[in-house]
Amino acid sequence: MFKTRLLSQEEVKKLVSMKDVIDAAEKTFRGMGDGTVVNPTKVGLDLGETAEFPPYEGFMNAMPAYIGWLDSAGIKWAGGFLGERKKRGLPYITSLILLIDPKIGNFRAVMDGAYITNMRTGAQTAVALKYLHPGKNLKLGLFGAGMQGHTQTMAIAELFHIDEVHVYDISPEASRKYAEDMKDTVQGKIVIAKTPEEAATSADVVVCVTQSKDKYVKDAWIKPGGILFPMGSYQECEDAYILNADRIIVDHVGQCLHRGALKELSEAGKITEKNIYATIGEIVAGKKKGPGPSSERTLCIPIGTGAMDIAVASIALKKAEEKGIGGSYEFA
C-alpha cells in the first residue's frame, strides 16, 4: 500500500521560499535545454474564457512533465476564473498538483498549486533576466499590481537591484496596495504610473501580468535594449512590437505559438517557429547566446510550463517528508 501525502496551500508556503523556486526554475530550464526535462504541450479546457459555452468565464489546463534532475513526474491541473468566482471574492487562479513516482506510477502527493503557480511565474522572469539582462541593476515597468505582480517583483528583487518600479493597474487602489506591500522588497523607488505609456517608457524591462484582451503596450514605448515580458493569456502588446522585435525568446515553442502573445500572429501565418530565436532553456544550457547588442529589443515569453510546477512541488514534497508536514491518504 502506498500513502499519498496531502499538502494545503498554507503548508506549501512554509516549505518553499522564492530562493528555492528560482533555483528550481533555473535547473529546470537547463533541463529543458539539454533534454533531461520532458514537457508536453499543455491541454486546455475552455469553460467560457473565450468560448460561448459553457458560460463560466474560466479555463483549466492539464500540464504534465517529467523532471530529470529530480527524477520526479506529475501533472498540474490549473486555470483561472472570473464570473462567479470573482463575485465570491476568490483568487483568480485555482490549481492542484499531483506527483507520481515515475518508476512505478504510484501517487506520491496531492497539493495546492495556486501558490506554486504564482511563485514560479515570477521566478521564470527572474531567471530569464539573469541570462538576458546585462548588469545587476534595472528599471522595471510593471503592468498588473495583483498577486502575480507581487511575485514578479519578489523574484526579480532576489537577483537584481531594482532602481525603480513604475507600476500601472486599471485599479489605482491595487497600485497603491502594491506600493505599500513591496516597499521593503524593492531596493529603489516605487512610482504609481498615471498612464500605461509612463510605465513602459520609464523602464528597460517591462513585465505584463494582466487579464487584458487589449494590445495596450505600443511598439514605440519599448526603447533600444529593452525587454518585454507579456505574461498574460492574451496578447498585451500590439502586433508591431512582435513583428519588429530583434529577438523572440520563449519557454516552450509549441505552447507559445498557440496561446498568449504570439497566438493571433501565429494563426495568421505571420509568426512561425522560424521567427523564434531560442528557448530560455537553450540559453540557460549554453546552446544559444544570452544578451544581444545594446540596440536590440527582445520579446521574452515564459508562458508557463508544467515542468516548473512539478519541480517546485517535488522540492516541497521532499521537505514535507523531512519535516513531517502534511496529512496522508491511501487511495488504493
C-alpha atoms as a PDB file:
ATOM      1  CA  MET A   1       0.000   0.000   0.000  1.00  0.00           C
ATOM      2  CA  PHE A   2       1.209   3.485  -0.863  1.00  0.00           C
ATOM      3  CA  LYS A   3       0.251   6.566   1.087  1.00  0.00           C
ATOM      4  CA  THR A   4      -0.205   9.843  -0.756  1.00  0.00           C
ATOM      5  CA  ARG A   5       0.922  12.984   1.081  1.00  0.00           C
ATOM      6  CA  LEU A   6      -1.621  15.824   1.116  1.00  0.00           C
ATOM      7  CA  LEU A   7      -0.408  19.423   1.385  1.00  0.00           C
ATOM      8  CA  SER A   8      -2.527  22.535   1.753  1.00  0.00           C
ATOM      9  CA  GLN A   9      -1.582  25.963   0.440  1.00  0.00           C
ATOM     10  CA  GLU A  10      -0.506  27.152   3.895  1.00  0.00           C
ATOM     11  CA  GLU A  11       1.706  24.089   4.291  1.00  0.00           C
ATOM     12  CA  VAL A  12       3.296  24.609   0.872  1.00  0.00           C
ATOM     13  CA  LYS A  13       4.029  28.236   1.794  1.00  0.00           C
ATOM     14  CA  LYS A  14       6.033  27.039   4.804  1.00  0.00           C
ATOM     15  CA  LEU A  15       8.088  24.648   2.685  1.00  0.00           C
ATOM     16  CA  VAL A  16       9.400  26.680  -0.282  1.00  0.00           C
ATOM     17  CA  SER A  17      10.857  30.180  -0.440  1.00  0.00           C
ATOM     18  CA  MET A  18      11.315  32.363  -3.504  1.00  0.00           C
ATOM     19  CA  LYS A  19      15.018  31.450  -3.478  1.00  0.00           C
ATOM     20  CA  ASP A  20      14.047  27.767  -3.622  1.00  0.00           C
ATOM     21  CA  VAL A  21      11.686  28.430  -6.528  1.00  0.00           C
ATOM     22  CA  ILE A  22      14.239  30.453  -8.506  1.00  0.00           C
ATOM     23  CA  ASP A  23      16.853  27.730  -8.057  1.00  0.00           C
ATOM     24  CA  ALA A  24      14.350  25.096  -9.200  1.00  0.00           C
ATOM     25  CA  ALA A  25      13.316  27.188 -12.196  1.00  0.00           C
ATOM     26  CA  GLU A  26      16.902  27.683 -13.347  1.00  0.00           C
ATOM     27  CA  LYS A  27      17.749  23.980 -13.056  1.00  0.00           C
ATOM     28  CA  THR A  28      14.539  23.051 -14.829  1.00  0.00           C
ATOM     29  CA  PHE A  29      15.152  25.497 -17.676  1.00  0.00           C
ATOM     30  CA  ARG A  30      18.603  23.937 -18.060  1.00  0.00           C
ATOM     31  CA  GLY A  31      16.977  20.507 -18.195  1.00  0.00           C
ATOM     32  CA  MET A  32      14.548  21.706 -20.844  1.00  0.00           C
ATOM     33  CA  GLY A  33      17.535  22.945 -22.829  1.00  0.00           C
ATOM     34  CA  ASP A  34      19.581  19.754 -22.561  1.00  0.00           C
ATOM     35  CA  GLY A  35      16.667  17.348 -22.979  1.00  0.00           C
ATOM     36  CA  THR A  36      16.520  15.896 -19.463  1.00  0.00           C
ATOM     37  CA  VAL A  37      13.162  17.529 -18.742  1.00  0.00           C
ATOM     38  CA  VAL A  38      10.130  16.292 -20.680  1.00  0.00           C
ATOM     39  CA  ASN A  39       7.318  18.809 -21.032  1.00  0.00           C
ATOM     40  CA  PRO A  40       4.459  18.085 -23.470  1.00  0.00           C
ATOM     41  CA  THR A  41       2.290  20.950 -24.665  1.00  0.00           C
ATOM     42  CA  LYS A  42      -0.475  21.707 -22.171  1.00  0.00           C
ATOM     43  CA  VAL A  43      -4.054  20.667 -22.925  1.00  0.00           C
ATOM     44  CA  GLY A  44      -6.662  23.350 -22.381  1.00  0.00           C
ATOM     45  CA  LEU A  45     -10.324  23.202 -21.429  1.00  0.00           C
ATOM     46  CA  ASP A  46     -12.235  26.397 -22.276  1.00  0.00           C
ATOM     47  CA  LEU A  47     -15.048  26.916 -19.773  1.00  0.00           C
ATOM     48  CA  GLY A  48     -16.173  30.244 -21.139  1.00  0.00           C
ATOM     49  CA  GLU A  49     -12.897  32.145 -21.151  1.00  0.00           C
ATOM     50  CA  THR A  50     -13.380  32.740 -24.883  1.00  0.00           C
ATOM     51  CA  ALA A  51     -15.924  30.043 -25.847  1.00  0.00           C
ATOM     52  CA  GLU A  52     -19.645  30.780 -25.916  1.00  0.00           C
ATOM     53  CA  PHE A  53     -20.441  27.599 -23.972  1.00  0.00           C
ATOM     54  CA  PRO A  54     -20.316  26.859 -21.080  1.00  0.00           C
ATOM     55  CA  PRO A  55     -20.676  30.445 -19.786  1.00  0.00           C
ATOM     56  CA  TYR A  56     -18.386  30.298 -16.751  1.00  0.00           C
ATOM     57  CA  GLU A  57     -15.665  32.805 -17.755  1.00  0.00           C
ATOM     58  CA  GLY A  58     -12.886  30.384 -16.990  1.00  0.00           C
ATOM     59  CA  PHE A  59     -10.436  27.809 -18.263  1.00  0.00           C
ATOM     60  CA  MET A  60      -8.419  24.869 -16.993  1.00  0.00           C
ATOM     61  CA  ASN A  61      -5.144  23.432 -18.272  1.00  0.00           C
ATOM     62  CA  ALA A  62      -3.638  19.974 -17.824  1.00  0.00           C
ATOM     63  CA  MET A  63       0.158  20.285 -17.622  1.00  0.00           C
ATOM     64  CA  PRO A  64       2.236  17.075 -17.270  1.00  0.00           C
ATOM     65  CA  ALA A  65       6.031  16.888 -17.017  1.00  0.00           C
ATOM     66  CA  TYR A  66       8.998  14.725 -16.036  1.00  0.00           C
ATOM     67  CA  ILE A  67      11.939  16.394 -14.263  1.00  0.00           C
ATOM     68  CA  GLY A  68      15.200  14.539 -14.821  1.00  0.00           C
ATOM     69  CA  TRP A  69      17.321  16.331 -12.207  1.00  0.00           C
ATOM     70  CA  LEU A  70      14.749  15.343  -9.553  1.00  0.00           C
ATOM     71  CA  ASP A  71      13.595  12.053 -11.143  1.00  0.00           C
ATOM     72  CA  SER A  72      10.027  13.144 -10.499  1.00  0.00           C
ATOM     73  CA  ALA A  73       6.897  13.321 -12.624  1.00  0.00           C
ATOM     74  CA  GLY A  74       3.423  14.727 -12.254  1.00  0.00           C
ATOM     75  CA  ILE A  75       0.690  16.921 -13.606  1.00  0.00           C
ATOM     76  CA  LYS A  76      -0.767  20.280 -12.691  1.00  0.00           C
ATOM     77  CA  TRP A  77      -4.457  20.949 -13.191  1.00  0.00           C
ATOM     78  CA  ALA A  78      -4.816  24.714 -13.157  1.00  0.00           C
ATOM     79  CA  GLY A  79      -6.823  27.572 -14.509  1.00  0.00           C
ATOM     80  CA  GLY A  80      -8.333  30.965 -13.930  1.00  0.00           C
ATOM     81  CA  PHE A  81     -11.918  32.029 -13.374  1.00  0.00           C
ATOM     82  CA  LEU A  82     -13.699  35.362 -13.333  1.00  0.00           C
ATOM     83  CA  GLY A  83     -17.518  35.358 -13.239  1.00  0.00           C
ATOM     84  CA  GLU A  84     -18.982  33.681 -10.177  1.00  0.00           C
ATOM     85  CA  ARG A  85     -15.560  33.052  -8.629  1.00  0.00           C
ATOM     86  CA  LYS A  86     -14.711  36.766  -8.759  1.00  0.00           C
ATOM     87  CA  LYS A  87     -18.120  37.680  -7.307  1.00  0.00           C
ATOM     88  CA  ARG A  88     -17.333  35.497  -4.308  1.00  0.00           C
ATOM     89  CA  GLY A  89     -14.038  37.283  -3.731  1.00  0.00           C
ATOM     90  CA  LEU A  90     -11.917  34.230  -4.542  1.00  0.00           C
ATOM     91  CA  PRO A  91      -8.453  34.417  -6.168  1.00  0.00           C
ATOM     92  CA  TYR A  92      -8.363  34.211  -9.961  1.00  0.00           C
ATOM     93  CA  ILE A  93      -6.118  31.113 -10.059  1.00  0.00           C
ATOM     94  CA  THR A  94      -7.253  27.663  -8.943  1.00  0.00           C
ATOM     95  CA  SER A  95      -4.898  24.706  -9.057  1.00  0.00           C
ATOM     96  CA  LEU A  96      -3.861  21.277  -7.778  1.00  0.00           C
ATOM     97  CA  ILE A  97      -0.605  19.401  -8.427  1.00  0.00           C
ATOM     98  CA  LEU A  98      -0.323  15.602  -8.420  1.00  0.00           C
ATOM     99  CA  LEU A  99       3.088  13.917  -8.190  1.00  0.00           C
ATOM    100  CA  ILE A 100       3.901  10.322  -9.083  1.00  0.00           C
ATOM    101  CA  ASP A 101       6.878   8.024  -8.706  1.00  0.00           C
ATOM    102  CA  PRO A 102       7.943   7.715 -12.369  1.00  0.00           C
ATOM    103  CA  LYS A 103       9.287   4.193 -11.830  1.00  0.00           C
ATOM    104  CA  ILE A 104       6.071   2.555 -10.641  1.00  0.00           C
ATOM    105  CA  GLY A 105       3.365   5.166 -11.080  1.00  0.00           C
ATOM    106  CA  ASN A 106       2.041   5.454  -7.538  1.00  0.00           C
ATOM    107  CA  PHE A 107       0.751   8.864  -6.485  1.00  0.00           C
ATOM    108  CA  ARG A 108       3.227  10.421  -4.088  1.00  0.00           C
ATOM    109  CA  ALA A 109       1.453  13.701  -3.347  1.00  0.00           C
ATOM    110  CA  VAL A 110      -1.525  15.946  -3.977  1.00  0.00           C
ATOM    111  CA  MET A 111      -1.029  19.597  -3.110  1.00  0.00           C
ATOM    112  CA  ASP A 112      -2.262  23.103  -3.730  1.00  0.00           C
ATOM    113  CA  GLY A 113      -0.849  24.526  -6.938  1.00  0.00           C
ATOM    114  CA  ALA A 114      -2.021  28.159  -6.845  1.00  0.00           C
ATOM    115  CA  TYR A 115       0.811  29.369  -4.598  1.00  0.00           C
ATOM    116  CA  ILE A 116       3.409  27.462  -6.611  1.00  0.00           C
ATOM    117  CA  THR A 117       1.952  28.861  -9.861  1.00  0.00           C
ATOM    118  CA  ASN A 118       2.290  32.443  -8.656  1.00  0.00           C
ATOM    119  CA  MET A 119       5.801  31.924  -7.292  1.00  0.00           C
ATOM    120  CA  ARG A 120       7.215  30.084 -10.297  1.00  0.00           C
ATOM    121  CA  THR A 121       5.703  32.600 -12.707  1.00  0.00           C
ATOM    122  CA  GLY A 122       7.797  35.285 -11.048  1.00  0.00           C
ATOM    123  CA  ALA A 123      10.844  33.030 -10.876  1.00  0.00           C
ATOM    124  CA  GLN A 124      10.678  32.316 -14.631  1.00  0.00           C
ATOM    125  CA  THR A 125      11.046  36.013 -15.402  1.00  0.00           C
ATOM    126  CA  ALA A 126      13.898  36.459 -12.932  1.00  0.00           C
ATOM    127  CA  VAL A 127      15.849  33.502 -14.342  1.00  0.00           C
ATOM    128  CA  ALA A 128      15.313  34.663 -17.925  1.00  0.00           C
ATOM    129  CA  LEU A 129      16.558  38.139 -16.965  1.00  0.00           C
ATOM    130  CA  LYS A 130      19.641  36.618 -15.349  1.00  0.00           C
ATOM    131  CA  TYR A 131      20.675  35.403 -18.801  1.00  0.00           C
ATOM    132  CA  LEU A 132      19.246  38.248 -20.912  1.00  0.00           C
ATOM    133  CA  HIS A 133      19.780  41.478 -18.984  1.00  0.00           C
ATOM    134  CA  PRO A 134      23.361  42.746 -18.634  1.00  0.00           C
ATOM    135  CA  GLY A 135      24.344  44.086 -15.235  1.00  0.00           C
ATOM    136  CA  LYS A 136      22.762  43.825 -11.808  1.00  0.00           C
ATOM    137  CA  ASN A 137      20.584  46.955 -11.869  1.00  0.00           C
ATOM    138  CA  LEU A 138      17.353  47.533 -13.757  1.00  0.00           C
ATOM    139  CA  LYS A 139      14.309  49.753 -14.010  1.00  0.00           C
ATOM    140  CA  LEU A 140      11.056  47.798 -14.061  1.00  0.00           C
ATOM    141  CA  GLY A 141       7.813  48.743 -15.769  1.00  0.00           C
ATOM    142  CA  LEU A 142       5.031  46.588 -14.326  1.00  0.00           C
ATOM    143  CA  PHE A 143       1.522  46.181 -15.693  1.00  0.00           C
ATOM    144  CA  GLY A 144      -0.734  44.441 -13.191  1.00  0.00           C
ATOM    145  CA  ALA A 145      -0.488  45.029  -9.445  1.00  0.00           C
ATOM    146  CA  GLY A 146      -2.165  41.821  -8.322  1.00  0.00           C
ATOM    147  CA  MET A 147      -0.653  38.670  -6.848  1.00  0.00           C
ATOM    148  CA  GLN A 148       1.493  37.887  -9.882  1.00  0.00           C
ATOM    149  CA  GLY A 149       2.691  41.484  -9.979  1.00  0.00           C
ATOM    150  CA  HIS A 150       3.859  40.949  -6.415  1.00  0.00           C
ATOM    151  CA  THR A 151       5.649  37.667  -7.139  1.00  0.00           C
ATOM    152  CA  GLN A 152       7.277  39.055 -10.287  1.00  0.00           C
ATOM    153  CA  THR A 153       8.767  41.821  -8.181  1.00  0.00           C
ATOM    154  CA  MET A 154       9.788  39.477  -5.369  1.00  0.00           C
ATOM    155  CA  ALA A 155      11.625  37.193  -7.773  1.00  0.00           C
ATOM    156  CA  ILE A 156      13.381  39.926  -9.735  1.00  0.00           C
ATOM    157  CA  ALA A 157      14.479  41.584  -6.485  1.00  0.00           C
ATOM    158  CA  GLU A 158      16.197  38.332  -5.468  1.00  0.00           C
ATOM    159  CA  LEU A 159      18.598  38.595  -8.426  1.00  0.00           C
ATOM    160  CA  PHE A 160      18.715  42.319  -9.268  1.00  0.00           C
ATOM    161  CA  HIS A 161      18.828  45.729  -7.656  1.00  0.00           C
ATOM    162  CA  ILE A 162      15.574  47.340  -8.781  1.00  0.00           C
ATOM    163  CA  ASP A 163      16.354  51.025  -9.106  1.00  0.00           C
ATOM    164  CA  GLU A 164      12.764  51.959  -9.928  1.00  0.00           C
ATOM    165  CA  VAL A 165       9.390  50.316 -10.434  1.00  0.00           C
ATOM    166  CA  HIS A 166       6.750  52.161 -12.413  1.00  0.00           C
ATOM    167  CA  VAL A 167       3.550  50.205 -11.801  1.00  0.00           C
ATOM    168  CA  TYR A 168       0.300  50.612 -13.703  1.00  0.00           C
ATOM    169  CA  ASP A 169      -3.009  48.931 -12.932  1.00  0.00           C
ATOM    170  CA  ILE A 170      -6.524  49.820 -14.081  1.00  0.00           C
ATOM    171  CA  SER A 171      -7.336  49.886 -10.356  1.00  0.00           C
ATOM    172  CA  PRO A 172      -5.448  52.737  -8.640  1.00  0.00           C
ATOM    173  CA  GLU A 173      -6.200  51.087  -5.313  1.00  0.00           C
ATOM    174  CA  ALA A 174      -4.407  47.911  -6.441  1.00  0.00           C
ATOM    175  CA  SER A 175      -1.362  50.006  -7.386  1.00  0.00           C
ATOM    176  CA  ARG A 176      -1.378  51.728  -4.005  1.00  0.00           C
ATOM    177  CA  LYS A 177      -1.597  48.371  -2.201  1.00  0.00           C
ATOM    178  CA  TYR A 178       1.247  47.024  -4.333  1.00  0.00           C
ATOM    179  CA  ALA A 179       3.409  50.033  -3.460  1.00  0.00           C
ATOM    180  CA  GLU A 180       2.791  49.507   0.247  1.00  0.00           C
ATOM    181  CA  ASP A 181       3.322  45.736   0.090  1.00  0.00           C
ATOM    182  CA  MET A 182       6.535  45.960  -1.950  1.00  0.00           C
ATOM    183  CA  LYS A 183       8.233  48.937  -0.264  1.00  0.00           C
ATOM    184  CA  ASP A 184      10.605  46.663   1.663  1.00  0.00           C
ATOM    185  CA  THR A 185      11.229  44.371  -1.325  1.00  0.00           C
ATOM    186  CA  VAL A 186      12.125  46.968  -3.943  1.00  0.00           C
ATOM    187  CA  GLN A 187      15.521  48.488  -3.238  1.00  0.00           C
ATOM    188  CA  GLY A 188      14.771  51.697  -5.145  1.00  0.00           C
ATOM    189  CA  LYS A 189      11.619  53.775  -5.500  1.00  0.00           C
ATOM    190  CA  ILE A 190       8.111  52.716  -6.482  1.00  0.00           C
ATOM    191  CA  VAL A 191       6.162  55.077  -8.715  1.00  0.00           C
ATOM    192  CA  ILE A 192       2.459  54.642  -9.445  1.00  0.00           C
ATOM    193  CA  ALA A 193       2.195  55.390 -13.153  1.00  0.00           C
ATOM    194  CA  LYS A 194      -0.696  57.553 -14.245  1.00  0.00           C
ATOM    195  CA  THR A 195      -0.737  56.149 -17.786  1.00  0.00           C
ATOM    196  CA  PRO A 196       0.350  52.895 -19.445  1.00  0.00           C
ATOM    197  CA  GLU A 197       2.875  54.820 -21.534  1.00  0.00           C
ATOM    198  CA  GLU A 198       4.587  56.161 -18.409  1.00  0.00           C
ATOM    199  CA  ALA A 199       5.052  52.641 -17.009  1.00  0.00           C
ATOM    200  CA  ALA A 200       6.630  51.343 -20.213  1.00  0.00           C
ATOM    201  CA  THR A 201       8.800  54.273 -21.285  1.00  0.00           C
ATOM    202  CA  SER A 202      10.343  54.675 -17.824  1.00  0.00           C
ATOM    203  CA  ALA A 203      11.758  51.141 -17.812  1.00  0.00           C
ATOM    204  CA  ASP A 204      14.319  48.923 -19.504  1.00  0.00           C
ATOM    205  CA  VAL A 205      12.409  45.769 -18.508  1.00  0.00           C
ATOM    206  CA  VAL A 206       8.625  45.718 -18.956  1.00  0.00           C
ATOM    207  CA  VAL A 207       6.541  42.912 -17.426  1.00  0.00           C
ATOM    208  CA  CYS A 208       2.837  42.428 -18.166  1.00  0.00           C
ATOM    209  CA  VAL A 209       0.776  40.223 -15.847  1.00  0.00           C
ATOM    210  CA  THR A 210      -2.786  41.200 -16.642  1.00  0.00           C
ATOM    211  CA  GLN A 211      -6.014  39.618 -17.837  1.00  0.00           C
ATOM    212  CA  SER A 212      -6.407  42.295 -20.506  1.00  0.00           C
ATOM    213  CA  LYS A 213      -7.524  41.398 -24.005  1.00  0.00           C
ATOM    214  CA  ASP A 214      -6.326  44.775 -25.308  1.00  0.00           C
ATOM    215  CA  LYS A 215      -2.978  45.216 -27.075  1.00  0.00           C
ATOM    216  CA  TYR A 216      -2.074  48.078 -24.788  1.00  0.00           C
ATOM    217  CA  VAL A 217       1.751  48.133 -24.988  1.00  0.00           C
ATOM    218  CA  LYS A 218       2.835  50.092 -28.056  1.00  0.00           C
ATOM    219  CA  ASP A 219       5.858  49.334 -30.211  1.00  0.00           C
ATOM    220  CA  ALA A 220       7.218  52.857 -29.783  1.00  0.00           C
ATOM    221  CA  TRP A 221       7.266  52.568 -25.985  1.00  0.00           C
ATOM    222  CA  ILE A 222       9.962  49.861 -25.793  1.00  0.00           C
ATOM    223  CA  LYS A 223      13.346  51.523 -26.132  1.00  0.00           C
ATOM    224  CA  PRO A 224      16.520  50.017 -27.687  1.00  0.00           C
ATOM    225  CA  GLY A 225      17.917  47.367 -25.381  1.00  0.00           C
ATOM    226  CA  GLY A 226      14.527  46.903 -23.750  1.00  0.00           C
ATOM    227  CA  ILE A 227      12.988  43.558 -22.873  1.00  0.00           C
ATOM    228  CA  LEU A 228       9.231  42.969 -22.867  1.00  0.00           C
ATOM    229  CA  PHE A 229       7.642  40.067 -20.992  1.00  0.00           C
ATOM    230  CA  PRO A 230       3.952  39.715 -21.947  1.00  0.00           C
ATOM    231  CA  MET A 231       2.887  37.028 -19.470  1.00  0.00           C
ATOM    232  CA  GLY A 232      -0.901  37.159 -19.805  1.00  0.00           C
ATOM    233  CA  SER A 233      -3.213  34.763 -21.582  1.00  0.00           C
ATOM    234  CA  TYR A 234      -3.782  37.317 -24.342  1.00  0.00           C
ATOM    235  CA  GLN A 235      -1.509  39.482 -26.458  1.00  0.00           C
ATOM    236  CA  GLU A 236      -0.975  42.600 -24.278  1.00  0.00           C
ATOM    237  CA  CYS A 237       1.284  44.270 -26.886  1.00  0.00           C
ATOM    238  CA  GLU A 238       0.493  45.493 -30.380  1.00  0.00           C
ATOM    239  CA  ASP A 239       1.402  43.449 -33.443  1.00  0.00           C
ATOM    240  CA  ALA A 240       4.097  45.922 -34.490  1.00  0.00           C
ATOM    241  CA  TYR A 241       6.295  45.218 -31.483  1.00  0.00           C
ATOM    242  CA  ILE A 242       6.171  41.468 -32.040  1.00  0.00           C
ATOM    243  CA  LEU A 243       6.968  41.854 -35.726  1.00  0.00           C
ATOM    244  CA  ASN A 244       9.705  44.442 -35.084  1.00  0.00           C
ATOM    245  CA  ALA A 245      11.422  42.800 -32.102  1.00  0.00           C
ATOM    246  CA  ASP A 246      15.010  41.826 -32.825  1.00  0.00           C
ATOM    247  CA  ARG A 247      14.719  38.562 -30.903  1.00  0.00           C
ATOM    248  CA  ILE A 248      11.800  36.435 -29.748  1.00  0.00           C
ATOM    249  CA  ILE A 249      12.587  34.049 -26.887  1.00  0.00           C
ATOM    250  CA  VAL A 250      10.060  31.620 -25.387  1.00  0.00           C
ATOM    251  CA  ASP A 251       9.959  28.931 -22.733  1.00  0.00           C
ATOM    252  CA  HIS A 252       8.066  26.394 -24.868  1.00  0.00           C
ATOM    253  CA  VAL A 253       7.707  26.786 -28.630  1.00  0.00           C
ATOM    254  CA  GLY A 254       4.556  24.714 -29.076  1.00  0.00           C
ATOM    255  CA  GLN A 255       2.645  26.405 -26.287  1.00  0.00           C
ATOM    256  CA  CYS A 256       3.711  29.942 -27.132  1.00  0.00           C
ATOM    257  CA  LEU A 257       2.573  29.682 -30.739  1.00  0.00           C
ATOM    258  CA  HIS A 258      -0.917  28.680 -29.637  1.00  0.00           C
ATOM    259  CA  ARG A 259      -1.641  30.841 -26.583  1.00  0.00           C
ATOM    260  CA  GLY A 260      -0.769  34.290 -25.352  1.00  0.00           C
ATOM    261  CA  ALA A 261       1.226  36.958 -27.167  1.00  0.00           C
ATOM    262  CA  LEU A 262       2.014  35.017 -30.356  1.00  0.00           C
ATOM    263  CA  LYS A 263      -1.301  33.237 -30.865  1.00  0.00           C
ATOM    264  CA  GLU A 264      -3.032  35.637 -33.273  1.00  0.00           C
ATOM    265  CA  LEU A 265       0.004  36.276 -35.453  1.00  0.00           C
ATOM    266  CA  SER A 266       0.807  32.551 -35.494  1.00  0.00           C
ATOM    267  CA  GLU A 267      -2.716  31.704 -36.643  1.00  0.00           C
ATOM    268  CA  ALA A 268      -2.407  34.377 -39.336  1.00  0.00           C
ATOM    269  CA  GLY A 269       0.864  32.820 -40.555  1.00  0.00           C
ATOM    270  CA  LYS A 270       2.865  35.964 -39.747  1.00  0.00           C
ATOM    271  CA  ILE A 271       4.894  34.308 -36.954  1.00  0.00           C
ATOM    272  CA  THR A 272       6.250  30.757 -37.104  1.00  0.00           C
ATOM    273  CA  GLU A 273       8.805  28.690 -35.250  1.00  0.00           C
ATOM    274  CA  LYS A 274      11.435  30.144 -37.619  1.00  0.00           C
ATOM    275  CA  ASN A 275      10.895  33.578 -36.043  1.00  0.00           C
ATOM    276  CA  ILE A 276      11.838  32.308 -32.581  1.00  0.00           C
ATOM    277  CA  TYR A 277      15.482  32.910 -31.760  1.00  0.00           C
ATOM    278  CA  ALA A 278      15.722  30.473 -28.853  1.00  0.00           C
ATOM    279  CA  THR A 279      14.042  28.957 -25.847  1.00  0.00           C
ATOM    280  CA  ILE A 280      15.030  30.101 -22.384  1.00  0.00           C
ATOM    281  CA  GLY A 281      16.245  26.568 -21.765  1.00  0.00           C
ATOM    282  CA  GLU A 282      18.631  26.698 -24.729  1.00  0.00           C
ATOM    283  CA  ILE A 283      20.127  29.915 -23.381  1.00  0.00           C
ATOM    284  CA  VAL A 284      20.448  28.616 -19.807  1.00  0.00           C
ATOM    285  CA  ALA A 285      22.021  25.408 -21.126  1.00  0.00           C
ATOM    286  CA  GLY A 286      24.550  27.460 -23.134  1.00  0.00           C
ATOM    287  CA  LYS A 287      23.288  26.399 -26.556  1.00  0.00           C
ATOM    288  CA  LYS A 288      22.339  29.949 -27.574  1.00  0.00           C
ATOM    289  CA  LYS A 289      23.807  33.320 -26.606  1.00  0.00           C
ATOM    290  CA  GLY A 290      22.076  35.438 -23.973  1.00  0.00           C
ATOM    291  CA  PRO A 291      22.240  39.268 -24.102  1.00  0.00           C
ATOM    292  CA  GLY A 292      22.294  40.726 -27.598  1.00  0.00           C
ATOM    293  CA  PRO A 293      23.666  44.101 -28.701  1.00  0.00           C
ATOM    294  CA  SER A 294      22.517  47.065 -26.603  1.00  0.00           C
ATOM    295  CA  SER A 295      20.470  48.349 -29.543  1.00  0.00           C
ATOM    296  CA  GLU A 296      18.358  45.201 -29.816  1.00  0.00           C
ATOM    297  CA  ARG A 297      14.889  44.826 -28.387  1.00  0.00           C
ATOM    298  CA  THR A 298      13.823  41.447 -27.022  1.00  0.00           C
ATOM    299  CA  LEU A 299      10.409  39.856 -26.654  1.00  0.00           C
ATOM    300  CA  CYS A 300      10.548  37.119 -23.995  1.00  0.00           C
ATOM    301  CA  ILE A 301       7.517  34.921 -23.359  1.00  0.00           C
ATOM    302  CA  PRO A 302       7.704  32.448 -20.473  1.00  0.00           C
ATOM    303  CA  ILE A 303       4.061  31.459 -20.822  1.00  0.00           C
ATOM    304  CA  GLY A 304       4.411  28.811 -18.107  1.00  0.00           C
ATOM    305  CA  THR A 305       5.093  25.098 -18.171  1.00  0.00           C
ATOM    306  CA  GLY A 306       4.103  22.162 -16.048  1.00  0.00           C
ATOM    307  CA  ALA A 307       7.796  21.374 -15.628  1.00  0.00           C
ATOM    308  CA  MET A 308       8.273  24.376 -13.349  1.00  0.00           C
ATOM    309  CA  ASP A 309       5.317  23.388 -11.196  1.00  0.00           C
ATOM    310  CA  ILE A 310       6.358  19.747 -10.906  1.00  0.00           C
ATOM    311  CA  ALA A 311       9.921  20.729  -9.989  1.00  0.00           C
ATOM    312  CA  VAL A 312       8.843  23.099  -7.222  1.00  0.00           C
ATOM    313  CA  ALA A 313       6.194  20.668  -5.977  1.00  0.00           C
ATOM    314  CA  SER A 314       8.796  17.883  -5.823  1.00  0.00           C
ATOM    315  CA  ILE A 315      11.028  20.046  -3.654  1.00  0.00           C
ATOM    316  CA  ALA A 316       8.066  20.898  -1.416  1.00  0.00           C
ATOM    317  CA  LEU A 317       7.281  17.187  -1.054  1.00  0.00           C
ATOM    318  CA  LYS A 318      10.873  16.318  -0.121  1.00  0.00           C
ATOM    319  CA  LYS A 319      10.897  18.984   2.577  1.00  0.00           C
ATOM    320  CA  ALA A 320       7.458  17.913   3.807  1.00  0.00           C
ATOM    321  CA  GLU A 321       8.679  14.344   4.204  1.00  0.00           C
ATOM    322  CA  GLU A 322      11.770  15.515   6.071  1.00  0.00           C
ATOM    323  CA  LYS A 323       9.766  17.749   8.419  1.00  0.00           C
ATOM    324  CA  GLY A 324       6.708  15.552   8.796  1.00  0.00           C
ATOM    325  CA  ILE A 325       4.371  18.205   7.396  1.00  0.00           C
ATOM    326  CA  GLY A 326       1.031  17.355   5.791  1.00  0.00           C
ATOM    327  CA  GLY A 327      -1.508  14.586   6.013  1.00  0.00           C
ATOM    328  CA  SER A 328      -1.714  11.336   4.083  1.00  0.00           C
ATOM    329  CA  TYR A 329      -4.322   9.144   2.446  1.00  0.00           C
ATOM    330  CA  GLU A 330      -4.401   5.657   0.963  1.00  0.00           C
ATOM    331  CA  PHE A 331      -6.312   5.960  -2.293  1.00  0.00           C
ATOM    332  CA  ALA A 332      -5.834   2.273  -3.130  1.00  0.00           C
END
